[in-house]
């Protein structure tokens, strides 16, 4: 299943918590890649991740 993360509009987003969540729910993303995807998400671009069933 693919999950599309569109945005994060929190005033002070917790980058570590977002990256940890992405790494935990995804089926093929390690911590380093989840950090990169978090940065992309917080810059305003959508992120697609694959989650396990």
PDB file of N, CA and C in Angstrom:
ATOM      1  N   UNK A   1       0.847  -1.168   0.000  1.00  0.00           N
ATOM      2  CA  UNK A   1       0.000   0.000   0.000  1.00  0.00           C
ATOM      3  C   UNK A   1       0.892   1.230   0.000  1.00  0.00           C
ATOM      4  N   UNK A   2       0.506   2.215  -0.788  1.00  0.00           N
ATOM      5  CA  UNK A   2       1.274   3.449  -0.886  1.00  0.00           C
ATOM      6  C   UNK A   2       0.573   4.538  -0.078  1.00  0.00           C
ATOM      7  N   UNK A   3       1.351   5.296   0.668  1.00  0.00           N
ATOM      8  CA  UNK A   3       0.842   6.395   1.476  1.00  0.00           C
ATOM      9  C   UNK A   3       1.455   7.685   0.951  1.00  0.00           C
ATOM     10  N   UNK A   4       0.619   8.680   0.689  1.00  0.00           N
ATOM     11  CA  UNK A   4       1.077   9.959   0.154  1.00  0.00           C
ATOM     12  C   UNK A   4       0.992  11.000   1.265  1.00  0.00           C
ATOM     13  N   UNK A   5       2.137  11.479   1.728  1.00  0.00           N
ATOM     14  CA  UNK A   5       2.195  12.523   2.741  1.00  0.00           C
ATOM     15  C   UNK A   5       2.241  13.855   2.019  1.00  0.00           C
ATOM     16  N   UNK A   6       1.224  14.683   2.230  1.00  0.00           N
ATOM     17  CA  UNK A   6       1.101  15.917   1.462  1.00  0.00           C
ATOM     18  C   UNK A   6       1.768  17.113   2.106  1.00  0.00           C
ATOM     19  N   UNK A   7       1.596  17.283   3.420  1.00  0.00           N
ATOM     20  CA  UNK A   7       2.153  18.469   4.048  1.00  0.00           C
ATOM     21  C   UNK A   7       2.191  18.319   5.556  1.00  0.00           C
ATOM     22  N   UNK A   8       2.919  19.218   6.161  1.00  0.00           N
ATOM     23  CA  UNK A   8       2.953  19.332   7.617  1.00  0.00           C
ATOM     24  C   UNK A   8       2.895  20.826   7.912  1.00  0.00           C
ATOM     25  N   UNK A   9       1.806  21.241   8.549  1.00  0.00           N
ATOM     26  CA  UNK A   9       1.645  22.672   8.776  1.00  0.00           C
ATOM     27  C   UNK A   9       1.783  23.059  10.241  1.00  0.00           C
ATOM     28  N   UNK A  10       2.431  22.190  11.016  1.00  0.00           N
ATOM     29  CA  UNK A  10       2.666  22.509  12.420  1.00  0.00           C
ATOM     30  C   UNK A  10       3.595  23.719  12.518  1.00  0.00           C
ATOM     31  N   UNK A  11       3.375  24.532  13.508  1.00  0.00           N
ATOM     32  CA  UNK A  11       4.193  25.740  13.655  1.00  0.00           C
ATOM     33  C   UNK A  11       5.656  25.386  13.920  1.00  0.00           C
ATOM     34  N   UNK A  12       5.886  24.404  14.776  1.00  0.00           N
ATOM     35  CA  UNK A  12       7.251  23.945  15.076  1.00  0.00           C
ATOM     36  C   UNK A  12       7.285  22.421  14.978  1.00  0.00           C
ATOM     37  N   UNK A  13       7.380  21.863  13.771  1.00  0.00           N
ATOM     38  CA  UNK A  13       7.335  20.410  13.596  1.00  0.00           C
ATOM     39  C   UNK A  13       8.545  19.726  14.245  1.00  0.00           C
ATOM     40  N   UNK A  14       8.299  18.566  14.815  1.00  0.00           N
ATOM     41  CA  UNK A  14       9.345  17.762  15.446  1.00  0.00           C
ATOM     42  C   UNK A  14       9.941  16.838  14.382  1.00  0.00           C
ATOM     43  N   UNK A  15      11.052  17.268  13.786  1.00  0.00           N
ATOM     44  CA  UNK A  15      11.671  16.522  12.690  1.00  0.00           C
ATOM     45  C   UNK A  15      12.023  15.089  13.084  1.00  0.00           C
ATOM     46  N   UNK A  16      12.561  14.913  14.277  1.00  0.00           N
ATOM     47  CA  UNK A  16      12.947  13.569  14.719  1.00  0.00           C
ATOM     48  C   UNK A  16      11.739  12.657  14.833  1.00  0.00           C
ATOM     49  N   UNK A  17      10.646  13.157  15.376  1.00  0.00           N
ATOM     50  CA  UNK A  17       9.443  12.346  15.536  1.00  0.00           C
ATOM     51  C   UNK A  17       8.837  11.976  14.181  1.00  0.00           C
ATOM     52  N   UNK A  18       8.829  12.922  13.246  1.00  0.00           N
ATOM     53  CA  UNK A  18       8.302  12.643  11.910  1.00  0.00           C
ATOM     54  C   UNK A  18       9.158  11.586  11.217  1.00  0.00           C
ATOM     55  N   UNK A  19      10.480  11.746  11.267  1.00  0.00           N
ATOM     56  CA  UNK A  19      11.386  10.791  10.629  1.00  0.00           C
ATOM     57  C   UNK A  19      11.252   9.402  11.261  1.00  0.00           C
ATOM     58  N   UNK A  20      11.128   9.354  12.557  1.00  0.00           N
ATOM     59  CA  UNK A  20      10.975   8.064  13.254  1.00  0.00           C
ATOM     60  C   UNK A  20       9.674   7.385  12.834  1.00  0.00           C
ATOM     61  N   UNK A  21       8.604   8.149  12.732  1.00  0.00           N
ATOM     62  CA  UNK A  21       7.311   7.609  12.315  1.00  0.00           C
ATOM     63  C   UNK A  21       7.393   7.059  10.891  1.00  0.00           C
ATOM     64  N   UNK A  22       8.012   7.809   9.990  1.00  0.00           N
ATOM     65  CA  UNK A  22       8.162   7.349   8.602  1.00  0.00           C
ATOM     66  C   UNK A  22       8.943   6.043   8.561  1.00  0.00           C
ATOM     67  N   UNK A  23      10.049   5.959   9.297  1.00  0.00           N
ATOM     68  CA  UNK A  23      10.866   4.750   9.307  1.00  0.00           C
ATOM     69  C   UNK A  23      10.106   3.561   9.890  1.00  0.00           C
ATOM     70  N   UNK A  24       9.294   3.796  10.911  1.00  0.00           N
ATOM     71  CA  UNK A  24       8.563   2.708  11.563  1.00  0.00           C
ATOM     72  C   UNK A  24       7.423   2.156  10.716  1.00  0.00           C
ATOM     73  N   UNK A  25       6.710   3.020  10.001  1.00  0.00           N
ATOM     74  CA  UNK A  25       5.553   2.528   9.256  1.00  0.00           C
ATOM     75  C   UNK A  25       5.884   2.076   7.838  1.00  0.00           C
ATOM     76  N   UNK A  26       7.032   2.471   7.320  1.00  0.00           N
ATOM     77  CA  UNK A  26       7.378   2.105   5.955  1.00  0.00           C
ATOM     78  C   UNK A  26       7.958   0.703   5.903  1.00  0.00           C
ATOM     79  N   UNK A  27       7.847   0.118   4.718  1.00  0.00           N
ATOM     80  CA  UNK A  27       8.347  -1.249   4.558  1.00  0.00           C
ATOM     81  C   UNK A  27       9.772  -1.309   4.024  1.00  0.00           C
ATOM     82  N   UNK A  28      10.301  -0.196   3.525  1.00  0.00           N
ATOM     83  CA  UNK A  28      11.622  -0.251   2.903  1.00  0.00           C
ATOM     84  C   UNK A  28      12.444   1.026   3.087  1.00  0.00           C
ATOM     85  N   UNK A  29      12.213   1.755   4.173  1.00  0.00           N
ATOM     86  CA  UNK A  29      12.925   3.018   4.383  1.00  0.00           C
ATOM     87  C   UNK A  29      13.702   2.956   5.690  1.00  0.00           C
ATOM     88  N   UNK A  30      15.003   3.246   5.609  1.00  0.00           N
ATOM     89  CA  UNK A  30      15.820   3.269   6.819  1.00  0.00           C
ATOM     90  C   UNK A  30      15.808   4.674   7.430  1.00  0.00           C
ATOM     91  N   UNK A  31      16.478   4.836   8.549  1.00  0.00           N
ATOM     92  CA  UNK A  31      16.447   6.110   9.278  1.00  0.00           C
ATOM     93  C   UNK A  31      17.044   7.248   8.464  1.00  0.00           C
ATOM     94  N   UNK A  32      18.109   6.990   7.730  1.00  0.00           N
ATOM     95  CA  UNK A  32      18.747   8.029   6.924  1.00  0.00           C
ATOM     96  C   UNK A  32      17.798   8.554   5.840  1.00  0.00           C
ATOM     97  N   UNK A  33      17.162   7.640   5.144  1.00  0.00           N
ATOM     98  CA  UNK A  33      16.218   8.037   4.096  1.00  0.00           C
ATOM     99  C   UNK A  33      14.993   8.725   4.696  1.00  0.00           C
ATOM    100  N   UNK A  34      14.544   8.269   5.850  1.00  0.00           N
ATOM    101  CA  UNK A  34      13.389   8.915   6.480  1.00  0.00           C
ATOM    102  C   UNK A  34      13.725  10.352   6.884  1.00  0.00           C
ATOM    103  N   UNK A  35      14.969  10.614   7.272  1.00  0.00           N
ATOM    104  CA  UNK A  35      15.391  11.991   7.566  1.00  0.00           C
ATOM    105  C   UNK A  35      15.321  12.861   6.310  1.00  0.00           C
ATOM    106  N   UNK A  36      15.776  12.316   5.187  1.00  0.00           N
ATOM    107  CA  UNK A  36      15.722  13.045   3.918  1.00  0.00           C
ATOM    108  C   UNK A  36      14.287  13.333   3.518  1.00  0.00           C
ATOM    109  N   UNK A  37      13.425  12.316   3.640  1.00  0.00           N
ATOM    110  CA  UNK A  37      12.024  12.491   3.267  1.00  0.00           C
ATOM    111  C   UNK A  37      11.326  13.497   4.176  1.00  0.00           C
ATOM    112  N   UNK A  38      11.709  13.525   5.440  1.00  0.00           N
ATOM    113  CA  UNK A  38      11.150  14.508   6.367  1.00  0.00           C
ATOM    114  C   UNK A  38      11.514  15.919   5.928  1.00  0.00           C
ATOM    115  N   UNK A  39      12.772  16.118   5.544  1.00  0.00           N
ATOM    116  CA  UNK A  39      13.199  17.434   5.059  1.00  0.00           C
ATOM    117  C   UNK A  39      12.407  17.844   3.823  1.00  0.00           C
ATOM    118  N   UNK A  40      12.212  16.911   2.903  1.00  0.00           N
ATOM    119  CA  UNK A  40      11.452  17.183   1.684  1.00  0.00           C
ATOM    120  C   UNK A  40      10.017  17.562   2.039  1.00  0.00           C
ATOM    121  N   UNK A  41       9.407  16.801   2.936  1.00  0.00           N
ATOM    122  CA  UNK A  41       8.035  17.065   3.363  1.00  0.00           C
ATOM    123  C   UNK A  41       7.907  18.446   3.995  1.00  0.00           C
ATOM    124  N   UNK A  42       8.838  18.787   4.869  1.00  0.00           N
ATOM    125  CA  UNK A  42       8.764  20.070   5.561  1.00  0.00           C
ATOM    126  C   UNK A  42       9.081  21.258   4.664  1.00  0.00           C
ATOM    127  N   UNK A  43       9.750  20.993   3.529  1.00  0.00           N
ATOM    128  CA  UNK A  43       9.990  22.052   2.552  1.00  0.00           C
ATOM    129  C   UNK A  43       8.758  22.332   1.712  1.00  0.00           C
ATOM    130  N   UNK A  44       7.746  21.465   1.813  1.00  0.00           N
ATOM    131  CA  UNK A  44       6.487  21.700   1.108  1.00  0.00           C
ATOM    132  C   UNK A  44       6.172  20.756  -0.021  1.00  0.00           C
ATOM    133  N   UNK A  45       7.046  19.778  -0.289  1.00  0.00           N
ATOM    134  CA  UNK A  45       6.788  18.816  -1.355  1.00  0.00           C
ATOM    135  C   UNK A  45       6.147  17.561  -0.782  1.00  0.00           C
ATOM    136  N   UNK A  46       5.295  16.926  -1.581  1.00  0.00           N
ATOM    137  CA  UNK A  46       4.655  15.678  -1.168  1.00  0.00           C
ATOM    138  C   UNK A  46       5.668  14.534  -1.179  1.00  0.00           C
ATOM    139  N   UNK A  47       5.419  13.533  -0.328  1.00  0.00           N
ATOM    140  CA  UNK A  47       6.295  12.372  -0.214  1.00  0.00           C
ATOM    141  C   UNK A  47       5.439  11.113  -0.284  1.00  0.00           C
ATOM    142  N   UNK A  48       5.847  10.159  -1.111  1.00  0.00           N
ATOM    143  CA  UNK A  48       5.169   8.859  -1.193  1.00  0.00           C
ATOM    144  C   UNK A  48       6.017   7.832  -0.477  1.00  0.00           C
ATOM    145  N   UNK A  49       5.381   7.028   0.391  1.00  0.00           N
ATOM    146  CA  UNK A  49       6.088   5.931   1.042  1.00  0.00           C
ATOM    147  C   UNK A  49       5.266   4.664   0.899  1.00  0.00           C
ATOM    148  N   UNK A  50       5.936   3.548   0.867  1.00  0.00           N
ATOM    149  CA  UNK A  50       5.298   2.241   0.793  1.00  0.00           C
ATOM    150  C   UNK A  50       5.215   1.674   2.203  1.00  0.00           C
ATOM    151  N   UNK A  51       4.013   1.266   2.597  1.00  0.00           N
ATOM    152  CA  UNK A  51       3.854   0.688   3.928  1.00  0.00           C
ATOM    153  C   UNK A  51       3.506  -0.784   3.806  1.00  0.00           C
ATOM    154  N   UNK A  52       3.922  -1.568   4.798  1.00  0.00           N
ATOM    155  CA  UNK A  52       3.650  -2.995   4.807  1.00  0.00           C
ATOM    156  C   UNK A  52       2.227  -3.272   5.244  1.00  0.00           C
ATOM    157  N   UNK A  53       1.779  -4.478   4.953  1.00  0.00           N
ATOM    158  CA  UNK A  53       0.412  -4.871   5.333  1.00  0.00           C
ATOM    159  C   UNK A  53       0.423  -5.732   6.543  1.00  0.00           C
TER     160      UNK A  53
END
